[in-house]
Amino acid sequence: MTNGMRAQWALQARAALIVAAMRRSILTYGELGAAIGISGVGLRNQLRHVLVDVSNECIAHKEPSLAALVVNASTGQPGAGWQDGKVPWHGEVQRVFRYWAGPRGAKKGTADDDSSG
């Protein structure tokens, strides 16, 4: 896997997670993997790195972490990083939903985002 491929997956994951946030829904790791074209061993080995990249992008834009919307299909729980982290997972999910709700969220973070009015 190249850095270019991982960057592409991160962009695709961000877009898919923004749509999920606007719909106030969560995705499983498998659903997100399918949306961006990762499956099998790649899903296990690469998706966590892609989600770190997405989360870092959110931090850079002063946004809540879209990675909070991804859970394990069997347990409905997020990855270990959320259980060990400083930010409570449920609270972050609600922050993501609020941030991407309404007209502001409809344009934010997309190619249609044009601040020129």
PDB file of N, CA and C in Angstrom:
ATOM      1  N   MET A   1       0.833  -1.180   0.000  1.00  0.00           N
ATOM      2  CA  MET A   1       0.000   0.000   0.000  1.00  0.00           C
ATOM      3  C   MET A   1       0.879   1.245   0.000  1.00  0.00           C
ATOM      4  N   THR A   2       0.525   2.191  -0.834  1.00  0.00           N
ATOM      5  CA  THR A   2       1.278   3.433  -0.899  1.00  0.00           C
ATOM      6  C   THR A   2       0.610   4.498  -0.035  1.00  0.00           C
ATOM      7  N   ASN A   3       1.384   5.537   0.278  1.00  0.00           N
ATOM      8  CA  ASN A   3       0.806   6.656   1.021  1.00  0.00           C
ATOM      9  C   ASN A   3      -0.294   7.324   0.219  1.00  0.00           C
ATOM     10  N   GLY A   4      -0.131   7.338  -1.119  1.00  0.00           N
ATOM     11  CA  GLY A   4      -1.159   7.923  -1.973  1.00  0.00           C
ATOM     12  C   GLY A   4      -2.475   7.175  -1.869  1.00  0.00           C
ATOM     13  N   MET A   5      -2.399   5.848  -1.820  1.00  0.00           N
ATOM     14  CA  MET A   5      -3.607   5.032  -1.687  1.00  0.00           C
ATOM     15  C   MET A   5      -4.266   5.284  -0.338  1.00  0.00           C
ATOM     16  N   ARG A   6      -3.469   5.348   0.715  1.00  0.00           N
ATOM     17  CA  ARG A   6      -4.031   5.600   2.045  1.00  0.00           C
ATOM     18  C   ARG A   6      -4.670   6.984   2.102  1.00  0.00           C
ATOM     19  N   ALA A   7      -4.048   7.973   1.477  1.00  0.00           N
ATOM     20  CA  ALA A   7      -4.623   9.320   1.447  1.00  0.00           C
ATOM     21  C   ALA A   7      -5.956   9.314   0.700  1.00  0.00           C
ATOM     22  N   GLN A   8      -6.019   8.553  -0.386  1.00  0.00           N
ATOM     23  CA  GLN A   8      -7.264   8.450  -1.150  1.00  0.00           C
ATOM     24  C   GLN A   8      -8.351   7.785  -0.308  1.00  0.00           C
ATOM     25  N   TRP A   9      -7.996   6.699   0.376  1.00  0.00           N
ATOM     26  CA  TRP A   9      -8.963   6.038   1.250  1.00  0.00           C
ATOM     27  C   TRP A   9      -9.451   6.987   2.341  1.00  0.00           C
ATOM     28  N   ALA A  10      -8.547   7.785   2.899  1.00  0.00           N
ATOM     29  CA  ALA A  10      -8.932   8.723   3.961  1.00  0.00           C
ATOM     30  C   ALA A  10      -9.921   9.761   3.438  1.00  0.00           C
ATOM     31  N   LEU A  11      -9.694  10.265   2.227  1.00  0.00           N
ATOM     32  CA  LEU A  11     -10.634  11.226   1.632  1.00  0.00           C
ATOM     33  C   LEU A  11     -11.998  10.586   1.409  1.00  0.00           C
ATOM     34  N   GLN A  12     -12.000   9.365   0.902  1.00  0.00           N
ATOM     35  CA  GLN A  12     -13.258   8.657   0.663  1.00  0.00           C
ATOM     36  C   GLN A  12     -13.966   8.343   1.979  1.00  0.00           C
ATOM     37  N   ALA A  13     -13.200   7.945   2.981  1.00  0.00           N
ATOM     38  CA  ALA A  13     -13.783   7.646   4.288  1.00  0.00           C
ATOM     39  C   ALA A  13     -14.381   8.903   4.901  1.00  0.00           C
ATOM     40  N   ARG A  14     -13.674  10.014   4.803  1.00  0.00           N
ATOM     41  CA  ARG A  14     -14.188  11.281   5.329  1.00  0.00           C
ATOM     42  C   ARG A  14     -15.526  11.628   4.679  1.00  0.00           C
ATOM     43  N   ALA A  15     -15.593  11.501   3.361  1.00  0.00           N
ATOM     44  CA  ALA A  15     -16.834  11.810   2.649  1.00  0.00           C
ATOM     45  C   ALA A  15     -17.971  10.893   3.104  1.00  0.00           C
ATOM     46  N   ALA A  16     -17.695   9.590   3.211  1.00  0.00           N
ATOM     47  CA  ALA A  16     -18.721   8.639   3.647  1.00  0.00           C
ATOM     48  C   ALA A  16     -19.176   8.934   5.074  1.00  0.00           C
ATOM     49  N   LEU A  17     -18.247   9.306   5.932  1.00  0.00           N
ATOM     50  CA  LEU A  17     -18.586   9.585   7.327  1.00  0.00           C
ATOM     51  C   LEU A  17     -19.334  10.903   7.476  1.00  0.00           C
ATOM     52  N   ILE A  18     -19.056  11.874   6.620  1.00  0.00           N
ATOM     53  CA  ILE A  18     -19.829  13.122   6.641  1.00  0.00           C
ATOM     54  C   ILE A  18     -21.280  12.829   6.280  1.00  0.00           C
ATOM     55  N   VAL A  19     -21.490  12.013   5.257  1.00  0.00           N
ATOM     56  CA  VAL A  19     -22.856  11.626   4.880  1.00  0.00           C
ATOM     57  C   VAL A  19     -23.535  10.906   6.045  1.00  0.00           C
ATOM     58  N   ALA A  20     -22.834   9.983   6.681  1.00  0.00           N
ATOM     59  CA  ALA A  20     -23.395   9.276   7.835  1.00  0.00           C
ATOM     60  C   ALA A  20     -23.748  10.261   8.947  1.00  0.00           C
ATOM     61  N   ALA A  21     -22.876  11.215   9.205  1.00  0.00           N
ATOM     62  CA  ALA A  21     -23.127  12.206  10.259  1.00  0.00           C
ATOM     63  C   ALA A  21     -24.361  13.042   9.944  1.00  0.00           C
ATOM     64  N   MET A  22     -24.494  13.449   8.694  1.00  0.00           N
ATOM     65  CA  MET A  22     -25.652  14.251   8.295  1.00  0.00           C
ATOM     66  C   MET A  22     -26.945  13.450   8.420  1.00  0.00           C
ATOM     67  N   ARG A  23     -26.847  12.134   8.308  1.00  0.00           N
ATOM     68  CA  ARG A  23     -28.002  11.240   8.459  1.00  0.00           C
ATOM     69  C   ARG A  23     -28.170  10.756   9.897  1.00  0.00           C
ATOM     70  N   ARG A  24     -27.279  11.204  10.767  1.00  0.00           N
ATOM     71  CA  ARG A  24     -27.286  10.802  12.176  1.00  0.00           C
ATOM     72  C   ARG A  24     -27.222   9.282  12.316  1.00  0.00           C
ATOM     73  N   SER A  25     -26.284   8.680  11.582  1.00  0.00           N
ATOM     74  CA  SER A  25     -26.132   7.229  11.637  1.00  0.00           C
ATOM     75  C   SER A  25     -24.670   6.859  11.855  1.00  0.00           C
ATOM     76  N   ILE A  26     -24.466   5.618  12.254  1.00  0.00           N
ATOM     77  CA  ILE A  26     -23.115   5.105  12.427  1.00  0.00           C
ATOM     78  C   ILE A  26     -22.874   4.025  11.376  1.00  0.00           C
ATOM     79  N   LEU A  27     -21.622   3.679  11.163  1.00  0.00           N
ATOM     80  CA  LEU A  27     -21.238   2.640  10.211  1.00  0.00           C
ATOM     81  C   LEU A  27     -20.403   1.593  10.931  1.00  0.00           C
ATOM     82  N   THR A  28     -20.480   0.370  10.454  1.00  0.00           N
ATOM     83  CA  THR A  28     -19.565  -0.650  10.960  1.00  0.00           C
ATOM     84  C   THR A  28     -18.252  -0.529  10.187  1.00  0.00           C
ATOM     85  N   TYR A  29     -17.220  -1.153  10.729  1.00  0.00           N
ATOM     86  CA  TYR A  29     -15.939  -1.160  10.020  1.00  0.00           C
ATOM     87  C   TYR A  29     -16.110  -1.776   8.632  1.00  0.00           C
ATOM     88  N   GLY A  30     -16.890  -2.847   8.545  1.00  0.00           N
ATOM     89  CA  GLY A  30     -17.119  -3.503   7.261  1.00  0.00           C
ATOM     90  C   GLY A  30     -17.850  -2.617   6.271  1.00  0.00           C
ATOM     91  N   GLU A  31     -18.858  -1.879   6.748  1.00  0.00           N
ATOM     92  CA  GLU A  31     -19.599  -0.972   5.869  1.00  0.00           C
ATOM     93  C   GLU A  31     -18.701   0.140   5.346  1.00  0.00           C
ATOM     94  N   LEU A  32     -17.889   0.708   6.227  1.00  0.00           N
ATOM     95  CA  LEU A  32     -16.983   1.760   5.777  1.00  0.00           C
ATOM     96  C   LEU A  32     -15.945   1.190   4.819  1.00  0.00           C
ATOM     97  N   GLY A  33     -15.412   0.017   5.140  1.00  0.00           N
ATOM     98  CA  GLY A  33     -14.453  -0.624   4.246  1.00  0.00           C
ATOM     99  C   GLY A  33     -15.037  -0.840   2.864  1.00  0.00           C
ATOM    100  N   ALA A  34     -16.279  -1.336   2.804  1.00  0.00           N
ATOM    101  CA  ALA A  34     -16.938  -1.561   1.517  1.00  0.00           C
ATOM    102  C   ALA A  34     -17.126  -0.248   0.761  1.00  0.00           C
ATOM    103  N   ALA A  35     -17.453   0.815   1.482  1.00  0.00           N
ATOM    104  CA  ALA A  35     -17.671   2.114   0.848  1.00  0.00           C
ATOM    105  C   ALA A  35     -16.407   2.669   0.200  1.00  0.00           C
ATOM    106  N   ILE A  36     -15.243   2.313   0.752  1.00  0.00           N
ATOM    107  CA  ILE A  36     -13.995   2.864   0.211  1.00  0.00           C
ATOM    108  C   ILE A  36     -13.140   1.818  -0.493  1.00  0.00           C
ATOM    109  N   GLY A  37     -13.653   0.589  -0.592  1.00  0.00           N
ATOM    110  CA  GLY A  37     -12.957  -0.441  -1.351  1.00  0.00           C
ATOM    111  C   GLY A  37     -11.896  -1.225  -0.607  1.00  0.00           C
ATOM    112  N   ILE A  38     -12.030  -1.339   0.712  1.00  0.00           N
ATOM    113  CA  ILE A  38     -11.095  -2.147   1.501  1.00  0.00           C
ATOM    114  C   ILE A  38     -11.862  -3.341   2.056  1.00  0.00           C
ATOM    115  N   SER A  39     -11.298  -4.541   1.907  1.00  0.00           N
ATOM    116  CA  SER A  39     -11.936  -5.731   2.473  1.00  0.00           C
ATOM    117  C   SER A  39     -10.864  -6.723   2.911  1.00  0.00           C
ATOM    118  N   GLY A  40     -11.302  -7.805   3.531  1.00  0.00           N
ATOM    119  CA  GLY A  40     -10.387  -8.868   3.928  1.00  0.00           C
ATOM    120  C   GLY A  40      -9.299  -8.403   4.879  1.00  0.00           C
ATOM    121  N   VAL A  41      -8.087  -8.866   4.612  1.00  0.00           N
ATOM    122  CA  VAL A  41      -6.940  -8.533   5.461  1.00  0.00           C
ATOM    123  C   VAL A  41      -6.707  -7.023   5.477  1.00  0.00           C
ATOM    124  N   GLY A  42      -6.913  -6.368   4.343  1.00  0.00           N
ATOM    125  CA  GLY A  42      -6.737  -4.918   4.276  1.00  0.00           C
ATOM    126  C   GLY A  42      -7.646  -4.178   5.229  1.00  0.00           C
ATOM    127  N   LEU A  43      -8.856  -4.712   5.412  1.00  0.00           N
ATOM    128  CA  LEU A  43      -9.790  -4.080   6.340  1.00  0.00           C
ATOM    129  C   LEU A  43      -9.202  -4.069   7.738  1.00  0.00           C
ATOM    130  N   ARG A  44      -8.681  -5.208   8.163  1.00  0.00           N
ATOM    131  CA  ARG A  44      -8.074  -5.298   9.502  1.00  0.00           C
ATOM    132  C   ARG A  44      -6.806  -4.470   9.605  1.00  0.00           C
ATOM    133  N   ASN A  45      -5.977  -4.543   8.577  1.00  0.00           N
ATOM    134  CA  ASN A  45      -4.649  -3.927   8.661  1.00  0.00           C
ATOM    135  C   ASN A  45      -4.622  -2.440   8.337  1.00  0.00           C
ATOM    136  N   GLN A  46      -5.511  -1.978   7.491  1.00  0.00           N
ATOM    137  CA  GLN A  46      -5.405  -0.605   7.001  1.00  0.00           C
ATOM    138  C   GLN A  46      -6.453   0.359   7.539  1.00  0.00           C
ATOM    139  N   LEU A  47      -7.661  -0.128   7.815  1.00  0.00           N
ATOM    140  CA  LEU A  47      -8.735   0.798   8.153  1.00  0.00           C
ATOM    141  C   LEU A  47      -8.437   1.601   9.410  1.00  0.00           C
ATOM    142  N   ARG A  48      -7.783   1.004  10.384  1.00  0.00           N
ATOM    143  CA  ARG A  48      -7.472   1.779  11.602  1.00  0.00           C
ATOM    144  C   ARG A  48      -6.545   2.942  11.287  1.00  0.00           C
ATOM    145  N   HIS A  49      -5.598   2.738  10.362  1.00  0.00           N
ATOM    146  CA  HIS A  49      -4.697   3.828   9.965  1.00  0.00           C
ATOM    147  C   HIS A  49      -5.458   4.911   9.198  1.00  0.00           C
ATOM    148  N   VAL A  50      -6.373   4.478   8.357  1.00  0.00           N
ATOM    149  CA  VAL A  50      -7.203   5.425   7.609  1.00  0.00           C
ATOM    150  C   VAL A  50      -8.025   6.265   8.582  1.00  0.00           C
ATOM    151  N   LEU A  51      -8.582   5.630   9.607  1.00  0.00           N
ATOM    152  CA  LEU A  51      -9.387   6.371  10.584  1.00  0.00           C
ATOM    153  C   LEU A  51      -8.544   7.334  11.409  1.00  0.00           C
ATOM    154  N   VAL A  52      -7.308   6.988  11.684  1.00  0.00           N
ATOM    155  CA  VAL A  52      -6.401   7.931  12.355  1.00  0.00           C
ATOM    156  C   VAL A  52      -6.190   9.148  11.460  1.00  0.00           C
ATOM    157  N   ASP A  53      -5.997   8.916  10.165  1.00  0.00           N
ATOM    158  CA  ASP A  53      -5.821  10.027   9.226  1.00  0.00           C
ATOM    159  C   ASP A  53      -7.069  10.909   9.181  1.00  0.00           C
ATOM    160  N   VAL A  54      -8.247  10.285   9.152  1.00  0.00           N
ATOM    161  CA  VAL A  54      -9.504  11.043   9.151  1.00  0.00           C
ATOM    162  C   VAL A  54      -9.613  11.858  10.436  1.00  0.00           C
ATOM    163  N   SER A  55      -9.316  11.245  11.558  1.00  0.00           N
ATOM    164  CA  SER A  55      -9.390  11.938  12.841  1.00  0.00           C
ATOM    165  C   SER A  55      -8.416  13.115  12.898  1.00  0.00           C
ATOM    166  N   ASN A  56      -7.210  12.915  12.389  1.00  0.00           N
ATOM    167  CA  ASN A  56      -6.229  14.006  12.358  1.00  0.00           C
ATOM    168  C   ASN A  56      -6.705  15.158  11.485  1.00  0.00           C
ATOM    169  N   GLU A  57      -7.359  14.839  10.388  1.00  0.00           N
ATOM    170  CA  GLU A  57      -7.924  15.874   9.511  1.00  0.00           C
ATOM    171  C   GLU A  57      -9.013  16.654  10.247  1.00  0.00           C
ATOM    172  N   CYS A  58      -9.839  15.941  10.998  1.00  0.00           N
ATOM    173  CA  CYS A  58     -10.875  16.603  11.792  1.00  0.00           C
ATOM    174  C   CYS A  58     -10.246  17.550  12.816  1.00  0.00           C
ATOM    175  N   ILE A  59      -9.211  17.090  13.480  1.00  0.00           N
ATOM    176  CA  ILE A  59      -8.517  17.931  14.462  1.00  0.00           C
ATOM    177  C   ILE A  59      -7.965  19.180  13.790  1.00  0.00           C
ATOM    178  N   ALA A  60      -7.369  19.013  12.617  1.00  0.00           N
ATOM    179  CA  ALA A  60      -6.797  20.152  11.887  1.00  0.00           C
ATOM    180  C   ALA A  60      -7.860  21.185  11.522  1.00  0.00           C
ATOM    181  N   HIS A  61      -9.101  20.729  11.298  1.00  0.00           N
ATOM    182  CA  HIS A  61     -10.202  21.629  10.947  1.00  0.00           C
ATOM    183  C   HIS A  61     -11.040  22.030  12.160  1.00  0.00           C
ATOM    184  N   LYS A  62     -10.581  21.651  13.355  1.00  0.00           N
ATOM    185  CA  LYS A  62     -11.300  21.951  14.598  1.00  0.00           C
ATOM    186  C   LYS A  62     -12.726  21.386  14.572  1.00  0.00           C
ATOM    187  N   GLU A  63     -12.841  20.149  14.086  1.00  0.00           N
ATOM    188  CA  GLU A  63     -14.110  19.440  14.007  1.00  0.00           C
ATOM    189  C   GLU A  63     -14.092  18.272  14.991  1.00  0.00           C
ATOM    190  N   PRO A  64     -15.276  17.827  15.426  1.00  0.00           N
ATOM    191  CA  PRO A  64     -15.310  16.585  16.205  1.00  0.00           C
ATOM    192  C   PRO A  64     -14.891  15.426  15.300  1.00  0.00           C
ATOM    193  N   SER A  65     -14.413  14.355  15.880  1.00  0.00           N
ATOM    194  CA  SER A  65     -13.845  13.250  15.108  1.00  0.00           C
ATOM    195  C   SER A  65     -14.905  12.379  14.442  1.00  0.00           C
ATOM    196  N   LEU A  66     -14.906  12.395  13.120  1.00  0.00           N
ATOM    197  CA  LEU A  66     -15.805  11.541  12.348  1.00  0.00           C
ATOM    198  C   LEU A  66     -15.546  10.059  12.614  1.00  0.00           C
ATOM    199  N   ALA A  67     -14.340   9.716  13.038  1.00  0.00           N
ATOM    200  CA  ALA A  67     -13.999   8.321  13.327  1.00  0.00           C
ATOM    201  C   ALA A  67     -14.868   7.739  14.443  1.00  0.00           C
ATOM    202  N   ALA A  68     -15.486   8.591  15.245  1.00  0.00           N
ATOM    203  CA  ALA A  68     -16.365   8.118  16.317  1.00  0.00           C
ATOM    204  C   ALA A  68     -17.582   7.377  15.771  1.00  0.00           C
ATOM    205  N   LEU A  69     -17.894   7.583  14.504  1.00  0.00           N
ATOM    206  CA  LEU A  69     -19.088   6.975  13.919  1.00  0.00           C
ATOM    207  C   LEU A  69     -18.883   5.539  13.456  1.00  0.00           C
ATOM    208  N   VAL A  70     -17.692   4.984  13.655  1.00  0.00           N
ATOM    209  CA  VAL A  70     -17.382   3.637  13.168  1.00  0.00           C
ATOM    210  C   VAL A  70     -17.320   2.662  14.347  1.00  0.00           C
ATOM    211  N   VAL A  71     -18.098   1.576  14.230  1.00  0.00           N
ATOM    212  CA  VAL A  71     -18.192   0.600  15.318  1.00  0.00           C
ATOM    213  C   VAL A  71     -18.010  -0.829  14.814  1.00  0.00           C
ATOM    214  N   ASN A  72     -17.764  -1.719  15.743  1.00  0.00           N
ATOM    215  CA  ASN A  72     -17.671  -3.147  15.470  1.00  0.00           C
ATOM    216  C   ASN A  72     -19.072  -3.699  15.216  1.00  0.00           C
ATOM    217  N   ALA A  73     -19.241  -4.474  14.152  1.00  0.00           N
ATOM    218  CA  ALA A  73     -20.560  -5.011  13.799  1.00  0.00           C
ATOM    219  C   ALA A  73     -21.117  -5.942  14.877  1.00  0.00           C
ATOM    220  N   SER A  74     -20.270  -6.713  15.519  1.00  0.00           N
ATOM    221  CA  SER A  74     -20.726  -7.686  16.521  1.00  0.00           C
ATOM    222  C   SER A  74     -21.119  -7.040  17.833  1.00  0.00           C
ATOM    223  N   THR A  75     -20.351  -6.050  18.255  1.00  0.00           N
ATOM    224  CA  THR A  75     -20.562  -5.461  19.582  1.00  0.00           C
ATOM    225  C   THR A  75     -21.278  -4.114  19.555  1.00  0.00           C
ATOM    226  N   GLY A  76     -21.238  -3.426  18.410  1.00  0.00           N
ATOM    227  CA  GLY A  76     -21.796  -2.077  18.352  1.00  0.00           C
ATOM    228  C   GLY A  76     -20.939  -1.059  19.077  1.00  0.00           C
ATOM    229  N   GLN A  77     -19.728  -1.449  19.431  1.00  0.00           N
ATOM    230  CA  GLN A  77     -18.822  -0.587  20.188  1.00  0.00           C
ATOM    231  C   GLN A  77     -17.703  -0.069  19.292  1.00  0.00           C
ATOM    232  N   PRO A  78     -17.127   1.078  19.655  1.00  0.00           N
ATOM    233  CA  PRO A  78     -15.996   1.607  18.892  1.00  0.00           C
ATOM    234  C   PRO A  78     -14.723   0.826  19.199  1.00  0.00           C
ATOM    235  N   GLY A  79     -13.671   1.159  18.502  1.00  0.00           N
ATOM    236  CA  GLY A  79     -12.373   0.525  18.724  1.00  0.00           C
ATOM    237  C   GLY A  79     -11.779   0.886  20.072  1.00  0.00           C
ATOM    238  N   ALA A  80     -10.723   0.187  20.422  1.00  0.00           N
ATOM    239  CA  ALA A  80     -10.078   0.352  21.729  1.00  0.00           C
ATOM    240  C   ALA A  80      -9.590   1.772  21.968  1.00  0.00           C
ATOM    241  N   GLY A  81      -9.242   2.481  20.930  1.00  0.00           N
ATOM    242  CA  GLY A  81      -8.770   3.855  21.083  1.00  0.00           C
ATOM    243  C   GLY A  81      -9.784   4.751  21.771  1.00  0.00           C
ATOM    244  N   TRP A  82     -11.066   4.484  21.557  1.00  0.00           N
ATOM    245  CA  TRP A  82     -12.103   5.286  22.209  1.00  0.00           C
ATOM    246  C   TRP A  82     -12.267   4.885  23.662  1.00  0.00           C
ATOM    247  N   GLN A  83     -12.095   3.613  23.967  1.00  0.00           N
ATOM    248  CA  GLN A  83     -12.244   3.175  25.350  1.00  0.00           C
ATOM    249  C   GLN A  83     -11.076   3.643  26.202  1.00  0.00           C
ATOM    250  N   ASP A  84      -9.907   3.776  25.582  1.00  0.00           N
ATOM    251  CA  ASP A  84      -8.713   4.197  26.310  1.00  0.00           C
ATOM    252  C   ASP A  84      -8.504   5.712  26.277  1.00  0.00           C
ATOM    253  N   GLY A  85      -9.255   6.389  25.438  1.00  0.00           N
ATOM    254  CA  GLY A  85      -9.011   7.807  25.204  1.00  0.00           C
ATOM    255  C   GLY A  85      -9.607   8.721  26.255  1.00  0.00           C
ATOM    256  N   LYS A  86      -9.318  10.007  26.098  1.00  0.00           N
ATOM    257  CA  LYS A  86      -9.775  11.019  27.044  1.00  0.00           C
ATOM    258  C   LYS A  86     -11.185  11.506  26.733  1.00  0.00           C
ATOM    259  N   VAL A  87     -11.619  11.371  25.466  1.00  0.00           N
ATOM    260  CA  VAL A  87     -12.928  11.868  25.055  1.00  0.00           C
ATOM    261  C   VAL A  87     -13.947  10.734  25.133  1.00  0.00           C
ATOM    262  N   PRO A  88     -15.051  10.921  25.879  1.00  0.00           N
ATOM    263  CA  PRO A  88     -16.079   9.883  25.940  1.00  0.00           C
ATOM    264  C   PRO A  88     -16.705   9.663  24.557  1.00  0.00           C
ATOM    265  N   TRP A  89     -16.809   8.407  24.155  1.00  0.00           N
ATOM    266  CA  TRP A  89     -17.272   8.072  22.816  1.00  0.00           C
ATOM    267  C   TRP A  89     -18.681   8.586  22.528  1.00  0.00           C
ATOM    268  N   HIS A  90     -19.652   8.306  23.409  1.00  0.00           N
ATOM    269  CA  HIS A  90     -21.035   8.726  23.149  1.00  0.00           C
ATOM    270  C   HIS A  90     -21.133  10.238  22.980  1.00  0.00           C
ATOM    271  N   GLY A  91     -20.407  10.967  23.796  1.00  0.00           N
ATOM    272  CA  GLY A  91     -20.404  12.420  23.686  1.00  0.00           C
ATOM    273  C   GLY A  91     -19.844  12.897  22.360  1.00  0.00           C
ATOM    274  N   GLU A  92     -18.796  12.234  21.892  1.00  0.00           N
ATOM    275  CA  GLU A  92     -18.192  12.622  20.612  1.00  0.00           C
ATOM    276  C   GLU A  92     -19.147  12.329  19.454  1.00  0.00           C
ATOM    277  N   VAL A  93     -19.854  11.213  19.516  1.00  0.00           N
ATOM    278  CA  VAL A  93     -20.840  10.898  18.474  1.00  0.00           C
ATOM    279  C   VAL A  93     -21.889  12.007  18.409  1.00  0.00           C
ATOM    280  N   GLN A  94     -22.383  12.443  19.553  1.00  0.00           N
ATOM    281  CA  GLN A  94     -23.385  13.512  19.569  1.00  0.00           C
ATOM    282  C   GLN A  94     -22.810  14.825  19.038  1.00  0.00           C
ATOM    283  N   ARG A  95     -21.562  15.111  19.373  1.00  0.00           N
ATOM    284  CA  ARG A  95     -20.911  16.321  18.851  1.00  0.00           C
ATOM    285  C   ARG A  95     -20.806  16.257  17.332  1.00  0.00           C
ATOM    286  N   VAL A  96     -20.459  15.089  16.792  1.00  0.00           N
ATOM    287  CA  VAL A  96     -20.370  14.916  15.337  1.00  0.00           C
ATOM    288  C   VAL A  96     -21.736  15.164  14.706  1.00  0.00           C
ATOM    289  N   PHE A  97     -22.782  14.562  15.255  1.00  0.00           N
ATOM    290  CA  PHE A  97     -24.122  14.742  14.703  1.00  0.00           C
ATOM    291  C   PHE A  97     -24.531  16.213  14.710  1.00  0.00           C
ATOM    292  N   ARG A  98     -24.290  16.902  15.820  1.00  0.00           N
ATOM    293  CA  ARG A  98     -24.653  18.322  15.901  1.00  0.00           C
ATOM    294  C   ARG A  98     -23.855  19.159  14.910  1.00  0.00           C
ATOM    295  N   TYR A  99     -22.566  18.883  14.818  1.00  0.00           N
ATOM    296  CA  TYR A  99     -21.683  19.665  13.951  1.00  0.00           C
ATOM    297  C   TYR A  99     -22.115  19.585  12.489  1.00  0.00           C
ATOM    298  N   TRP A 100     -22.484  18.387  12.036  1.00  0.00           N
ATOM    299  CA  TRP A 100     -22.804  18.191  10.622  1.00  0.00           C
ATOM    300  C   TRP A 100     -24.295  18.317  10.329  1.00  0.00           C
ATOM    301  N   ALA A 101     -25.114  18.711  11.307  1.00  0.00           N
ATOM    302  CA  ALA A 101     -26.553  18.866  11.102  1.00  0.00           C
ATOM    303  C   ALA A 101     -26.861  20.163  10.362  1.00  0.00           C
ATOM    304  N   GLY A 102     -27.975  20.177   9.663  1.00  0.00           N
ATOM    305  CA  GLY A 102     -28.497  21.398   9.077  1.00  0.00           C
ATOM    306  C   GLY A 102     -27.729  21.932   7.891  1.00  0.00           C
ATOM    307  N   PRO A 103     -28.081  23.141   7.485  1.00  0.00           N
ATOM    308  CA  PRO A 103     -27.509  23.733   6.272  1.00  0.00           C
ATOM    309  C   PRO A 103     -25.995  23.915   6.332  1.00  0.00           C
ATOM    310  N   ARG A 104     -25.457  24.231   7.500  1.00  0.00           N
ATOM    311  CA  ARG A 104     -24.010  24.418   7.615  1.00  0.00           C
ATOM    312  C   ARG A 104     -23.282  23.130   7.269  1.00  0.00           C
ATOM    313  N   GLY A 105     -23.757  22.026   7.778  1.00  0.00           N
ATOM    314  CA  GLY A 105     -23.141  20.743   7.508  1.00  0.00           C
ATOM    315  C   GLY A 105     -23.295  20.297   6.072  1.00  0.00           C
ATOM    316  N   ALA A 106     -24.348  20.747   5.405  1.00  0.00           N
ATOM    317  CA  ALA A 106     -24.598  20.327   4.031  1.00  0.00           C
ATOM    318  C   ALA A 106     -23.500  20.785   3.081  1.00  0.00           C
ATOM    319  N   LYS A 107     -22.824  21.876   3.397  1.00  0.00           N
ATOM    320  CA  LYS A 107     -21.771  22.376   2.507  1.00  0.00           C
ATOM    321  C   LYS A 107     -20.377  22.145   3.053  1.00  0.00           C
ATOM    322  N   LYS A 108     -20.239  22.010   4.340  1.00  0.00           N
ATOM    323  CA  LYS A 108     -18.934  21.920   4.981  1.00  0.00           C
ATOM    324  C   LYS A 108     -18.212  20.637   4.591  1.00  0.00           C
ATOM    325  N   GLY A 109     -16.966  20.757   4.191  1.00  0.00           N
ATOM    326  CA  GLY A 109     -16.141  19.593   3.926  1.00  0.00           C
ATOM    327  C   GLY A 109     -16.394  18.908   2.602  1.00  0.00           C
ATOM    328  N   THR A 110     -17.136  19.558   1.700  1.00  0.00           N
ATOM    329  CA  THR A 110     -17.408  18.964   0.396  1.00  0.00           C
ATOM    330  C   THR A 110     -16.844  19.844  -0.703  1.00  0.00           C
ATOM    331  N   ALA A 111     -16.850  19.333  -1.911  1.00  0.00           N
ATOM    332  CA  ALA A 111     -16.369  20.110  -3.057  1.00  0.00           C
ATOM    333  C   ALA A 111     -17.266  21.312  -3.315  1.00  0.00           C
ATOM    334  N   ASP A 112     -18.516  21.274  -2.815  1.00  0.00           N
ATOM    335  CA  ASP A 112     -19.438  22.387  -3.011  1.00  0.00           C
ATOM    336  C   ASP A 112     -19.212  23.511  -2.008  1.00  0.00           C
ATOM    337  N   ASP A 113     -18.285  23.325  -1.090  1.00  0.00           N
ATOM    338  CA  ASP A 113     -18.004  24.324  -0.056  1.00  0.00           C
ATOM    339  C   ASP A 113     -17.358  25.542  -0.698  1.00  0.00           C
ATOM    340  N   ASP A 114     -18.154  26.593  -0.873  1.00  0.00           N
ATOM    341  CA  ASP A 114     -17.679  27.812  -1.528  1.00  0.00           C
ATOM    342  C   ASP A 114     -17.994  28.984  -0.621  1.00  0.00           C
ATOM    343  N   SER A 115     -16.995  29.521   0.017  1.00  0.00           N
ATOM    344  CA  SER A 115     -17.223  30.593   0.985  1.00  0.00           C
ATOM    345  C   SER A 115     -17.350  31.960   0.330  1.00  0.00           C
ATOM    346  N   SER A 116     -17.320  32.032  -0.998  1.00  0.00           N
ATOM    347  CA  SER A 116     -17.398  33.333  -1.658  1.00  0.00           C
ATOM    348  C   SER A 116     -18.814  33.859  -1.711  1.00  0.00           C
ATOM    349  N   GLY A 117     -19.787  33.052  -1.299  1.00  0.00           N
ATOM    350  CA  GLY A 117     -21.148  33.526  -1.168  1.00  0.00           C
ATOM    351  C   GLY A 117     -21.993  33.140  -2.268  1.00  0.00           C
TER     352      GLY A 117
END
